[in-house]
C-alpha atoms as a PDB file:
ATOM      1  CA  MET A   1      93.702  74.859 110.123  1.00  0.00           C
ATOM      2  CA  GLU A   2      96.637  74.746 112.476  1.00  0.00           C
ATOM      3  CA  LEU A   3      99.874  76.251 111.187  1.00  0.00           C
ATOM      4  CA  LYS A   4     102.106  74.375 113.613  1.00  0.00           C
ATOM      5  CA  ASP A   5     104.561  72.087 111.800  1.00  0.00           C
ATOM      6  CA  ARG A   6     103.282  73.264 108.407  1.00  0.00           C
ATOM      7  CA  SER A   7     105.608  74.199 105.570  1.00  0.00           C
ATOM      8  CA  ILE A   8     104.680  77.820 104.811  1.00  0.00           C
ATOM      9  CA  LEU A   9     105.687  80.076 101.931  1.00  0.00           C
ATOM     10  CA  VAL A  10     105.207  83.864 102.047  1.00  0.00           C
ATOM     11  CA  THR A  11     105.524  85.681  98.735  1.00  0.00           C
ATOM     12  CA  GLY A  12     106.657  89.275  99.132  1.00  0.00           C
ATOM     13  CA  GLY A  13     107.792  88.318 102.611  1.00  0.00           C
ATOM     14  CA  ALA A  14     110.668  90.820 102.701  1.00  0.00           C
ATOM     15  CA  GLY A  15     108.267  93.695 102.114  1.00  0.00           C
ATOM     16  CA  PHE A  16     106.304  95.815 104.563  1.00  0.00           C
ATOM     17  CA  ILE A  17     103.267  93.703 105.436  1.00  0.00           C
ATOM     18  CA  GLY A  18     104.954  90.476 104.353  1.00  0.00           C
ATOM     19  CA  SER A  19     107.842  90.798 106.817  1.00  0.00           C
ATOM     20  CA  HIS A  20     105.443  91.524 109.685  1.00  0.00           C
ATOM     21  CA  LEU A  21     103.456  88.450 108.645  1.00  0.00           C
ATOM     22  CA  VAL A  22     106.634  86.368 108.785  1.00  0.00           C
ATOM     23  CA  ASP A  23     107.256  87.673 112.314  1.00  0.00           C
ATOM     24  CA  ARG A  24     103.679  86.774 113.278  1.00  0.00           C
ATOM     25  CA  LEU A  25     103.919  83.269 111.815  1.00  0.00           C
ATOM     26  CA  ILE A  26     106.988  82.310 113.846  1.00  0.00           C
ATOM     27  CA  PRO A  27     105.047  81.896 117.147  1.00  0.00           C
ATOM     28  CA  GLU A  28     102.774  79.441 115.296  1.00  0.00           C
ATOM     29  CA  LYS A  29     105.825  77.119 115.185  1.00  0.00           C
ATOM     30  CA  PRO A  30     105.772  76.208 111.503  1.00  0.00           C
ATOM     31  CA  GLY A  31     107.856  73.264 110.401  1.00  0.00           C
ATOM     32  CA  LYS A  32     109.342  75.338 107.605  1.00  0.00           C
ATOM     33  CA  LEU A  33     109.114  79.013 106.684  1.00  0.00           C
ATOM     34  CA  VAL A  34     110.165  80.201 103.216  1.00  0.00           C
ATOM     35  CA  VAL A  35     110.096  83.738 101.799  1.00  0.00           C
ATOM     36  CA  VAL A  36     110.117  84.484  98.076  1.00  0.00           C
ATOM     37  CA  ASP A  37     110.833  88.115  97.217  1.00  0.00           C
ATOM     38  CA  ASN A  38     112.533  89.787  94.258  1.00  0.00           C
ATOM     39  CA  LEU A  39     113.522  92.722  96.516  1.00  0.00           C
ATOM     40  CA  PHE A  40     111.879  95.261  94.202  1.00  0.00           C
ATOM     41  CA  LEU A  41     110.650  97.013  97.347  1.00  0.00           C
ATOM     42  CA  GLY A  42     111.410  94.353  99.929  1.00  0.00           C
ATOM     43  CA  LYS A  43     114.581  94.498 102.031  1.00  0.00           C
ATOM     44  CA  ARG A  44     116.658  91.782 103.636  1.00  0.00           C
ATOM     45  CA  SER A  45     116.869  94.026 106.699  1.00  0.00           C
ATOM     46  CA  ASN A  46     113.092  93.700 107.160  1.00  0.00           C
ATOM     47  CA  LEU A  47     113.698  90.038 108.013  1.00  0.00           C
ATOM     48  CA  ALA A  48     116.522  90.607 110.505  1.00  0.00           C
ATOM     49  CA  GLU A  49     114.330  89.931 113.531  1.00  0.00           C
ATOM     50  CA  ALA A  50     112.773  86.888 111.871  1.00  0.00           C
ATOM     51  CA  PHE A  51     116.165  85.343 111.107  1.00  0.00           C
ATOM     52  CA  THR A  52     117.156  85.826 114.751  1.00  0.00           C
ATOM     53  CA  LYS A  53     114.013  84.142 116.075  1.00  0.00           C
ATOM     54  CA  PHE A  54     113.764  81.491 113.344  1.00  0.00           C
ATOM     55  CA  PRO A  55     117.300  80.819 112.027  1.00  0.00           C
ATOM     56  CA  GLN A  56     116.089  78.189 109.572  1.00  0.00           C
ATOM     57  CA  LEU A  57     114.050  80.823 107.710  1.00  0.00           C
ATOM     58  CA  LYS A  58     114.842  80.628 103.994  1.00  0.00           C
ATOM     59  CA  LEU A  59     114.876  83.638 101.646  1.00  0.00           C
ATOM     60  CA  VAL A  60     114.611  82.914  97.921  1.00  0.00           C
ATOM     61  CA  VAL A  61     115.348  85.980  95.787  1.00  0.00           C
ATOM     62  CA  GLU A  62     113.265  85.295  92.692  1.00  0.00           C
ATOM     63  CA  SER A  63     110.322  86.661  90.750  1.00  0.00           C
ATOM     64  CA  VAL A  64     107.000  85.192  91.834  1.00  0.00           C
ATOM     65  CA  CYS A  65     105.967  85.395  88.172  1.00  0.00           C
ATOM     66  CA  ASP A  66     108.437  82.644  87.185  1.00  0.00           C
ATOM     67  CA  ILE A  67     106.172  79.589  87.322  1.00  0.00           C
ATOM     68  CA  ASP A  68     108.953  77.064  86.720  1.00  0.00           C
ATOM     69  CA  ARG A  69     111.036  78.464  89.569  1.00  0.00           C
ATOM     70  CA  MET A  70     108.020  78.666  91.873  1.00  0.00           C
ATOM     71  CA  ARG A  71     107.084  75.082  91.018  1.00  0.00           C
ATOM     72  CA  GLN A  72     110.612  74.062  91.987  1.00  0.00           C
ATOM     73  CA  VAL A  73     110.549  75.996  95.278  1.00  0.00           C
ATOM     74  CA  VAL A  74     107.102  74.710  96.273  1.00  0.00           C
ATOM     75  CA  GLY A  75     108.080  71.141  95.398  1.00  0.00           C
ATOM     76  CA  ASP A  76     111.544  71.168  96.970  1.00  0.00           C
ATOM     77  CA  GLU A  77     110.275  72.734 100.196  1.00  0.00           C
ATOM     78  CA  LYS A  78     107.117  70.576 100.291  1.00  0.00           C
ATOM     79  CA  ILE A  79     104.982  73.659 100.895  1.00  0.00           C
ATOM     80  CA  ASP A  80     101.538  73.223 102.481  1.00  0.00           C
ATOM     81  CA  VAL A  81     100.318  76.825 102.710  1.00  0.00           C
ATOM     82  CA  VAL A  82     101.080  79.880 100.565  1.00  0.00           C
ATOM     83  CA  PHE A  83     100.450  83.402 101.856  1.00  0.00           C
ATOM     84  CA  ASP A  84     100.388  85.541  98.717  1.00  0.00           C
ATOM     85  CA  MET A  85     101.608  89.002  99.773  1.00  0.00           C
ATOM     86  CA  ALA A  86     103.642  89.976  96.700  1.00  0.00           C
ATOM     87  CA  THR A  87     102.415  92.925  94.652  1.00  0.00           C
ATOM     88  CA  ILE A  88     103.446  95.964  92.646  1.00  0.00           C
ATOM     89  CA  PRO A  89     102.744  99.279  94.453  1.00  0.00           C
ATOM     90  CA  LEU A  90      99.898 101.462  93.262  1.00  0.00           C
ATOM     91  CA  PRO A  91     102.083 104.461  92.251  1.00  0.00           C
ATOM     92  CA  ALA A  92     104.111 102.207  89.953  1.00  0.00           C
ATOM     93  CA  SER A  93     100.914 101.406  88.057  1.00  0.00           C
ATOM     94  CA  LEU A  94     100.545 105.097  87.248  1.00  0.00           C
ATOM     95  CA  GLU A  95     104.029 105.192  85.699  1.00  0.00           C
ATOM     96  CA  ARG A  96     104.124 101.724  84.085  1.00  0.00           C
ATOM     97  CA  PRO A  97     100.491 100.556  83.946  1.00  0.00           C
ATOM     98  CA  ASP A  98     100.938  97.685  81.466  1.00  0.00           C
ATOM     99  CA  TRP A  99     103.839  96.156  83.365  1.00  0.00           C
ATOM    100  CA  ALA A 100     102.256  96.595  86.805  1.00  0.00           C
ATOM    101  CA  ALA A 101      98.922  95.073  85.764  1.00  0.00           C
ATOM    102  CA  GLU A 102     100.577  92.116  84.049  1.00  0.00           C
ATOM    103  CA  GLU A 103     102.855  91.416  87.021  1.00  0.00           C
ATOM    104  CA  ILE A 104     100.050  91.533  89.597  1.00  0.00           C
ATOM    105  CA  TYR A 105      97.816  89.238  87.570  1.00  0.00           C
ATOM    106  CA  ARG A 106     100.659  86.867  86.681  1.00  0.00           C
ATOM    107  CA  MET A 107     101.668  86.476  90.333  1.00  0.00           C
ATOM    108  CA  MET A 108      98.202  85.216  91.165  1.00  0.00           C
ATOM    109  CA  LEU A 109      97.922  83.013  88.090  1.00  0.00           C
ATOM    110  CA  VAL A 110     101.146  81.208  88.992  1.00  0.00           C
ATOM    111  CA  PHE A 111      99.956  80.175  92.445  1.00  0.00           C
ATOM    112  CA  CYS A 112      96.421  79.365  91.340  1.00  0.00           C
ATOM    113  CA  ALA A 113      97.945  77.022  88.774  1.00  0.00           C
ATOM    114  CA  LEU A 114     100.305  75.383  91.254  1.00  0.00           C
ATOM    115  CA  CYS A 115      97.512  74.912  93.775  1.00  0.00           C
ATOM    116  CA  ARG A 116      95.249  73.391  91.117  1.00  0.00           C
ATOM    117  CA  GLN A 117      98.069  70.975  90.252  1.00  0.00           C
ATOM    118  CA  GLY A 118      98.099  69.818  93.877  1.00  0.00           C
ATOM    119  CA  LEU A 119     101.585  71.128  94.670  1.00  0.00           C
ATOM    120  CA  PHE A 120     100.333  72.771  97.861  1.00  0.00           C
ATOM    121  CA  LYS A 121      97.053  72.665  99.776  1.00  0.00           C
ATOM    122  CA  THR A 122      95.959  76.165 100.835  1.00  0.00           C
ATOM    123  CA  LEU A 123      96.240  79.603  99.220  1.00  0.00           C
ATOM    124  CA  ILE A 124      95.749  82.736 101.337  1.00  0.00           C
ATOM    125  CA  HIS A 125      95.575  85.637  98.904  1.00  0.00           C
ATOM    126  CA  CYS A 126      96.139  89.225 100.071  1.00  0.00           C
ATOM    127  CA  SER A 127      93.973  91.579  98.048  1.00  0.00           C
ATOM    128  CA  SER A 128      93.474  95.325  98.581  1.00  0.00           C
ATOM    129  CA  SER A 129      90.661  97.706  99.429  1.00  0.00           C
ATOM    130  CA  GLU A 130      91.617  99.491  96.197  1.00  0.00           C
ATOM    131  CA  ALA A 131      89.686  96.737  94.400  1.00  0.00           C
ATOM    132  CA  TYR A 132      86.516  98.445  95.662  1.00  0.00           C
ATOM    133  CA  GLY A 133      87.424 101.904  94.359  1.00  0.00           C
ATOM    134  CA  SER A 134      85.686 104.863  95.965  1.00  0.00           C
ATOM    135  CA  ALA A 135      82.774 103.998  98.219  1.00  0.00           C
ATOM    136  CA  VAL A 136      79.341 103.940  96.639  1.00  0.00           C
ATOM    137  CA  ARG A 137      77.978 103.016 100.070  1.00  0.00           C
ATOM    138  CA  VAL A 138      79.467 102.942 103.547  1.00  0.00           C
ATOM    139  CA  PRO A 139      80.531 101.008 105.359  1.00  0.00           C
ATOM    140  CA  MET A 140      81.992  98.976 102.476  1.00  0.00           C
ATOM    141  CA  ASP A 141      81.222  95.290 102.944  1.00  0.00           C
ATOM    142  CA  GLU A 142      82.722  92.365 101.057  1.00  0.00           C
ATOM    143  CA  ASP A 143      79.952  92.562  98.431  1.00  0.00           C
ATOM    144  CA  HIS A 144      80.688  96.201  97.611  1.00  0.00           C
ATOM    145  CA  PRO A 145      81.019  96.584  93.830  1.00  0.00           C
ATOM    146  CA  MET A 146      84.496  96.729  92.341  1.00  0.00           C
ATOM    147  CA  MET A 147      84.531 100.323  91.064  1.00  0.00           C
ATOM    148  CA  VAL A 148      88.259 100.407  90.342  1.00  0.00           C
ATOM    149  CA  GLU A 149      90.070 103.698  89.781  1.00  0.00           C
ATOM    150  CA  THR A 150      93.640 102.738  88.770  1.00  0.00           C
ATOM    151  CA  PRO A 151      95.469 100.006  86.821  1.00  0.00           C
ATOM    152  CA  TYR A 152      96.708  98.700  90.177  1.00  0.00           C
ATOM    153  CA  ALA A 153      93.161  98.396  91.477  1.00  0.00           C
ATOM    154  CA  ALA A 154      91.969  96.753  88.274  1.00  0.00           C
ATOM    155  CA  ALA A 155      94.754  94.174  88.449  1.00  0.00           C
ATOM    156  CA  LYS A 156      94.052  93.423  92.124  1.00  0.00           C
ATOM    157  CA  ALA A 157      90.343  92.998  91.355  1.00  0.00           C
ATOM    158  CA  ALA A 158      91.181  90.718  88.438  1.00  0.00           C
ATOM    159  CA  ALA A 159      93.456  88.646  90.670  1.00  0.00           C
ATOM    160  CA  ASP A 160      90.641  88.271  93.206  1.00  0.00           C
ATOM    161  CA  LEU A 161      88.245  87.099  90.511  1.00  0.00           C
ATOM    162  CA  LEU A 162      90.850  84.636  89.271  1.00  0.00           C
ATOM    163  CA  VAL A 163      91.229  83.097  92.733  1.00  0.00           C
ATOM    164  CA  ARG A 164      87.448  82.804  93.096  1.00  0.00           C
ATOM    165  CA  SER A 165      87.160  81.189  89.671  1.00  0.00           C
ATOM    166  CA  TYR A 166      89.784  78.579  90.526  1.00  0.00           C
ATOM    167  CA  ALA A 167      88.049  77.862  93.816  1.00  0.00           C
ATOM    168  CA  ARG A 168      84.722  77.289  92.084  1.00  0.00           C
ATOM    169  CA  THR A 169      86.017  75.488  89.004  1.00  0.00           C
ATOM    170  CA  PHE A 170      88.851  73.432  90.479  1.00  0.00           C
ATOM    171  CA  ASN A 171      87.903  73.364  94.178  1.00  0.00           C
ATOM    172  CA  ILE A 172      91.171  74.883  95.379  1.00  0.00           C
ATOM    173  CA  ASP A 173      91.318  75.694  99.094  1.00  0.00           C
ATOM    174  CA  MET A 174      91.660  79.459  99.397  1.00  0.00           C
ATOM    175  CA  ALA A 175      90.703  82.607 101.274  1.00  0.00           C
ATOM    176  CA  ILE A 176      90.906  86.220 100.125  1.00  0.00           C
ATOM    177  CA  ILE A 177      91.992  88.786 102.702  1.00  0.00           C
ATOM    178  CA  ARG A 178      91.150  92.379 101.788  1.00  0.00           C
ATOM    179  CA  PRO A 179      93.177  94.781 103.982  1.00  0.00           C
ATOM    180  CA  PHE A 180      92.406  98.481 103.930  1.00  0.00           C
ATOM    181  CA  ASN A 181      95.089 101.160 104.417  1.00  0.00           C
ATOM    182  CA  ASN A 182      98.060  99.719 106.257  1.00  0.00           C
ATOM    183  CA  TYR A 183     100.789 101.660 108.028  1.00  0.00           C
ATOM    184  CA  GLY A 184     103.558 101.114 110.548  1.00  0.00           C
ATOM    185  CA  PRO A 185     107.284 100.359 110.846  1.00  0.00           C
ATOM    186  CA  ARG A 186     109.101  99.165 107.704  1.00  0.00           C
ATOM    187  CA  GLN A 187     106.630 100.705 105.291  1.00  0.00           C
ATOM    188  CA  ASN A 188     108.586 101.756 102.237  1.00  0.00           C
ATOM    189  CA  GLU A 189     109.775 105.351 102.609  1.00  0.00           C
ATOM    190  CA  GLY A 190     111.580 105.633  99.260  1.00  0.00           C
ATOM    191  CA  SER A 191     110.208 105.235  95.757  1.00  0.00           C
ATOM    192  CA  TYR A 192     106.439 104.665  95.621  1.00  0.00           C
ATOM    193  CA  ALA A 193     106.062 105.475  99.315  1.00  0.00           C
ATOM    194  CA  ALA A 194     102.614 105.785 100.888  1.00  0.00           C
ATOM    195  CA  ILE A 195     101.318 108.928 102.554  1.00  0.00           C
ATOM    196  CA  ILE A 196     102.345 108.282 106.172  1.00  0.00           C
ATOM    197  CA  PRO A 197     106.069 107.644 105.566  1.00  0.00           C
ATOM    198  CA  VAL A 198     106.127 110.479 103.003  1.00  0.00           C
ATOM    199  CA  VAL A 199     104.706 112.978 105.506  1.00  0.00           C
ATOM    200  CA  ILE A 200     107.024 111.804 108.286  1.00  0.00           C
ATOM    201  CA  ARG A 201     110.068 111.976 106.026  1.00  0.00           C
ATOM    202  CA  ARG A 202     109.217 115.494 104.834  1.00  0.00           C
ATOM    203  CA  ILE A 203     108.675 116.862 108.327  1.00  0.00           C
ATOM    204  CA  LEU A 204     111.883 115.262 109.611  1.00  0.00           C
ATOM    205  CA  ALA A 205     113.697 116.895 106.689  1.00  0.00           C
ATOM    206  CA  GLY A 206     112.279 120.314 107.628  1.00  0.00           C
ATOM    207  CA  GLN A 207     109.799 120.380 104.746  1.00  0.00           C
ATOM    208  CA  PRO A 208     106.044 120.931 104.989  1.00  0.00           C
ATOM    209  CA  PRO A 209     103.704 118.030 104.261  1.00  0.00           C
ATOM    210  CA  VAL A 210     101.747 118.122 101.007  1.00  0.00           C
ATOM    211  CA  ILE A 211      97.975 117.789 100.652  1.00  0.00           C
ATOM    212  CA  PHE A 212      96.711 116.829  97.213  1.00  0.00           C
ATOM    213  CA  GLY A 213      93.250 118.177  96.485  1.00  0.00           C
ATOM    214  CA  ASP A 214      91.025 119.387  99.296  1.00  0.00           C
ATOM    215  CA  GLY A 215      92.281 116.936 101.946  1.00  0.00           C
ATOM    216  CA  GLU A 216      88.791 115.652 102.665  1.00  0.00           C
ATOM    217  CA  GLN A 217      89.509 112.285 101.076  1.00  0.00           C
ATOM    218  CA  THR A 218      89.062 109.544 103.661  1.00  0.00           C
ATOM    219  CA  ARG A 219      90.851 106.306 104.398  1.00  0.00           C
ATOM    220  CA  ASP A 220      90.497 103.432 106.876  1.00  0.00           C
ATOM    221  CA  PHE A 221      93.952 103.024 108.428  1.00  0.00           C
ATOM    222  CA  LEU A 222      95.054  99.863 110.230  1.00  0.00           C
ATOM    223  CA  TYR A 223      98.339  99.314 112.067  1.00  0.00           C
ATOM    224  CA  VAL A 224     100.350  96.562 110.448  1.00  0.00           C
ATOM    225  CA  THR A 225     100.479  94.196 113.433  1.00  0.00           C
ATOM    226  CA  ASP A 226      96.681  94.243 113.539  1.00  0.00           C
ATOM    227  CA  THR A 227      96.619  93.501 109.814  1.00  0.00           C
ATOM    228  CA  VAL A 228      98.793  90.408 110.090  1.00  0.00           C
ATOM    229  CA  GLU A 229      96.877  89.234 113.149  1.00  0.00           C
ATOM    230  CA  GLY A 230      93.736  89.315 111.017  1.00  0.00           C
ATOM    231  CA  ILE A 231      95.452  87.474 108.172  1.00  0.00           C
ATOM    232  CA  VAL A 232      96.676  84.674 110.433  1.00  0.00           C
ATOM    233  CA  SER A 233      93.293  84.393 112.154  1.00  0.00           C
ATOM    234  CA  ALA A 234      91.567  84.071 108.794  1.00  0.00           C
ATOM    235  CA  ALA A 235      94.050  81.444 107.631  1.00  0.00           C
ATOM    236  CA  LYS A 236      93.482  79.353 110.768  1.00  0.00           C
ATOM    237  CA  SER A 237      89.686  79.601 110.615  1.00  0.00           C
ATOM    238  CA  ASP A 238      87.766  76.987 108.657  1.00  0.00           C
ATOM    239  CA  ARG A 239      84.949  79.547 108.381  1.00  0.00           C
ATOM    240  CA  MET A 240      86.948  81.793 106.035  1.00  0.00           C
ATOM    241  CA  HIS A 241      88.101  79.299 103.449  1.00  0.00           C
ATOM    242  CA  GLY A 242      86.439  79.971 100.129  1.00  0.00           C
ATOM    243  CA  ARG A 243      85.441  83.471 101.284  1.00  0.00           C
ATOM    244  CA  THR A 244      86.604  87.094 101.204  1.00  0.00           C
ATOM    245  CA  VAL A 245      87.016  89.125 104.395  1.00  0.00           C
ATOM    246  CA  ASN A 246      87.821  92.781 105.098  1.00  0.00           C
ATOM    247  CA  ILE A 247      90.576  93.440 107.610  1.00  0.00           C
ATOM    248  CA  ALA A 248      90.356  97.077 108.703  1.00  0.00           C
ATOM    249  CA  SER A 249      89.757  99.425 111.612  1.00  0.00           C
ATOM    250  CA  GLY A 250      86.228 100.475 110.658  1.00  0.00           C
ATOM    251  CA  ARG A 251      87.229 104.089 111.354  1.00  0.00           C
ATOM    252  CA  GLU A 252      87.121 106.792 108.687  1.00  0.00           C
ATOM    253  CA  VAL A 253      89.872 109.443 108.777  1.00  0.00           C
ATOM    254  CA  THR A 254      90.378 112.418 106.458  1.00  0.00           C
ATOM    255  CA  ILE A 255      93.801 113.181 105.029  1.00  0.00           C
ATOM    256  CA  HIS A 256      93.606 116.531 106.866  1.00  0.00           C
ATOM    257  CA  GLU A 257      93.165 114.746 110.198  1.00  0.00           C
ATOM    258  CA  LEU A 258      95.891 112.219 109.423  1.00  0.00           C
ATOM    259  CA  ILE A 259      98.423 114.966 108.726  1.00  0.00           C
ATOM    260  CA  ARG A 260      97.386 116.813 111.895  1.00  0.00           C
ATOM    261  CA  GLN A 261      98.042 113.669 113.942  1.00  0.00           C
ATOM    262  CA  ILE A 262     101.455 113.086 112.367  1.00  0.00           C
ATOM    263  CA  SER A 263     102.348 116.752 112.872  1.00  0.00           C
ATOM    264  CA  ARG A 264     101.396 116.570 116.572  1.00  0.00           C
ATOM    265  CA  ALA A 265     103.495 113.426 117.037  1.00  0.00           C
ATOM    266  CA  LEU A 266     106.482 115.273 115.543  1.00  0.00           C
ATOM    267  CA  ASP A 267     105.804 118.601 117.335  1.00  0.00           C
ATOM    268  CA  TYR A 268     105.430 120.236 113.934  1.00  0.00           C
ATOM    269  CA  THR A 269     103.392 123.432 113.836  1.00  0.00           C
ATOM    270  CA  GLY A 270     103.785 124.497 110.212  1.00  0.00           C
ATOM    271  CA  GLU A 271     101.028 124.449 107.614  1.00  0.00           C
ATOM    272  CA  PRO A 272     100.862 121.908 104.784  1.00  0.00           C
ATOM    273  CA  ILE A 273     101.213 123.059 101.213  1.00  0.00           C
ATOM    274  CA  ARG A 274      98.558 122.411  98.590  1.00  0.00           C
ATOM    275  CA  GLU A 275      98.882 120.609  95.291  1.00  0.00           C
ATOM    276  CA  PRO A 276      96.277 119.692  92.668  1.00  0.00           C
ATOM    277  CA  ALA A 277      94.328 116.484  93.234  1.00  0.00           C
ATOM    278  CA  ARG A 278      96.015 113.356  91.920  1.00  0.00           C
ATOM    279  CA  PRO A 279      94.397 111.422  89.081  1.00  0.00           C
ATOM    280  CA  ALA A 280      92.098 108.546  90.051  1.00  0.00           C
ATOM    281  CA  ASP A 281      92.512 109.216  93.779  1.00  0.00           C
ATOM    282  CA  VAL A 282      89.982 107.276  95.851  1.00  0.00           C
ATOM    283  CA  ARG A 283      87.580 109.703  97.470  1.00  0.00           C
ATOM    284  CA  ARG A 284      86.203 107.691 100.365  1.00  0.00           C
ATOM    285  CA  HIS A 285      87.051 104.446 102.170  1.00  0.00           C
ATOM    286  CA  LEU A 286      85.410 102.998 105.251  1.00  0.00           C
ATOM    287  CA  ALA A 287      85.324  99.253 105.827  1.00  0.00           C
ATOM    288  CA  ASP A 288      82.496  97.136 107.127  1.00  0.00           C
ATOM    289  CA  THR A 289      84.302  94.812 109.537  1.00  0.00           C
ATOM    290  CA  ARG A 290      81.296  92.861 110.826  1.00  0.00           C
ATOM    291  CA  LEU A 291      82.287  89.644 109.075  1.00  0.00           C
ATOM    292  CA  ALA A 292      85.791  89.684 110.580  1.00  0.00           C
ATOM    293  CA  GLN A 293      84.342  90.483 113.996  1.00  0.00           C
ATOM    294  CA  ALA A 294      81.704  87.754 113.857  1.00  0.00           C
ATOM    295  CA  GLU A 295      83.779  84.950 112.348  1.00  0.00           C
ATOM    296  CA  LEU A 296      87.267  85.756 113.621  1.00  0.00           C
ATOM    297  CA  GLY A 297      86.640  87.815 116.739  1.00  0.00           C
ATOM    298  CA  PHE A 298      88.810  90.412 115.034  1.00  0.00           C
ATOM    299  CA  LYS A 299      89.259  93.690 116.880  1.00  0.00           C
ATOM    300  CA  PRO A 300      92.162  96.084 116.234  1.00  0.00           C
ATOM    301  CA  ALA A 301      94.465  96.416 119.220  1.00  0.00           C
ATOM    302  CA  VAL A 302      96.301  99.590 118.152  1.00  0.00           C
ATOM    303  CA  PRO A 303      94.245 102.799 117.776  1.00  0.00           C
ATOM    304  CA  LEU A 304      95.380 105.275 115.134  1.00  0.00           C
ATOM    305  CA  GLU A 305      96.813 107.768 117.613  1.00  0.00           C
ATOM    306  CA  GLU A 306      99.019 105.122 119.240  1.00  0.00           C
ATOM    307  CA  GLY A 307      99.947 103.637 115.873  1.00  0.00           C
ATOM    308  CA  ILE A 308     101.080 107.014 114.593  1.00  0.00           C
ATOM    309  CA  ARG A 309     103.249 107.514 117.692  1.00  0.00           C
ATOM    310  CA  ARG A 310     104.877 104.107 117.227  1.00  0.00           C
ATOM    311  CA  THR A 311     105.400 104.685 113.520  1.00  0.00           C
ATOM    312  CA  VAL A 312     106.927 108.131 114.015  1.00  0.00           C
ATOM    313  CA  ALA A 313     109.295 106.754 116.665  1.00  0.00           C
ATOM    314  CA  TRP A 314     110.425 103.987 114.321  1.00  0.00           C
ATOM    315  CA  TYR A 315     111.107 106.342 111.399  1.00  0.00           C
ATOM    316  CA  LYS A 316     112.989 108.785 113.613  1.00  0.00           C
ATOM    317  CA  THR A 317     115.509 106.002 114.198  1.00  0.00           C
ATOM    318  CA  ALA A 318     115.367 104.411 110.754  1.00  0.00           C
ATOM    319  CA  LEU A 319     115.904 107.682 108.846  1.00  0.00           C
ATOM    320  CA  GLN A 320     118.846 108.905 110.921  1.00  0.00           C
END
């Protein structure tokens, strides 16, 4: 599927991954590019570069859960392809589990329904490696069982199953992209921030980083520009439609090692402080990326060490 001249909608497009996806879609020369974001975590400033390069970019500040409003936007803009990037962050599901789970599931239900009604052609749904839970085998392929740990993970898994059910029952054209642990510029550093911006912010503020538990938990980190490259490649490939694909580095890194790398990039020599393990924290993540390699030729371009350097440099400016 070529994206040139297509009318494209990106939900959550003012957020971290979503705004980088918008940047990546512009070189595809879409006919129309629309972002829907309620700015819960997204920022207009994340789209500053996109507005410069694609002045006709349209930002609609609305809830993706409002099916009547989304039906209007999709119809008025004659949307062909929806990239579903909107979500509620995992930490929010620990504070407000009912609301977070309902919102995540409702977002997906809205666009499954609109696609089934023929209001747009293709749905590219962004899932999460959290849907797998902690690894019961490694590397974790796309058939790994969904051993969810948190309300966020349960809602993301339910959304994935909903998309699959609509594909099988109503023959909607879809693909499910399952990114692992993303990081890079523009990742939210405020409420519900992920570990990398939290550690950078603490060190820049003269505070030691915090390790929860023993620090031997592992993650599979992928720089955000590699993530969106994988998403666009999967959307353009006719081999991925109707399927699920991991987008990840295929490299396992402990939290200890991650904090050491961030500390080196910031010339920080202090020791982290220890806190009790967090509830329902995933113990181990390592993606099997063979499907993405074989079908998409996907290969990350930014190794973790370089990605950390770029990310630290960005936050040094952004947090001044």
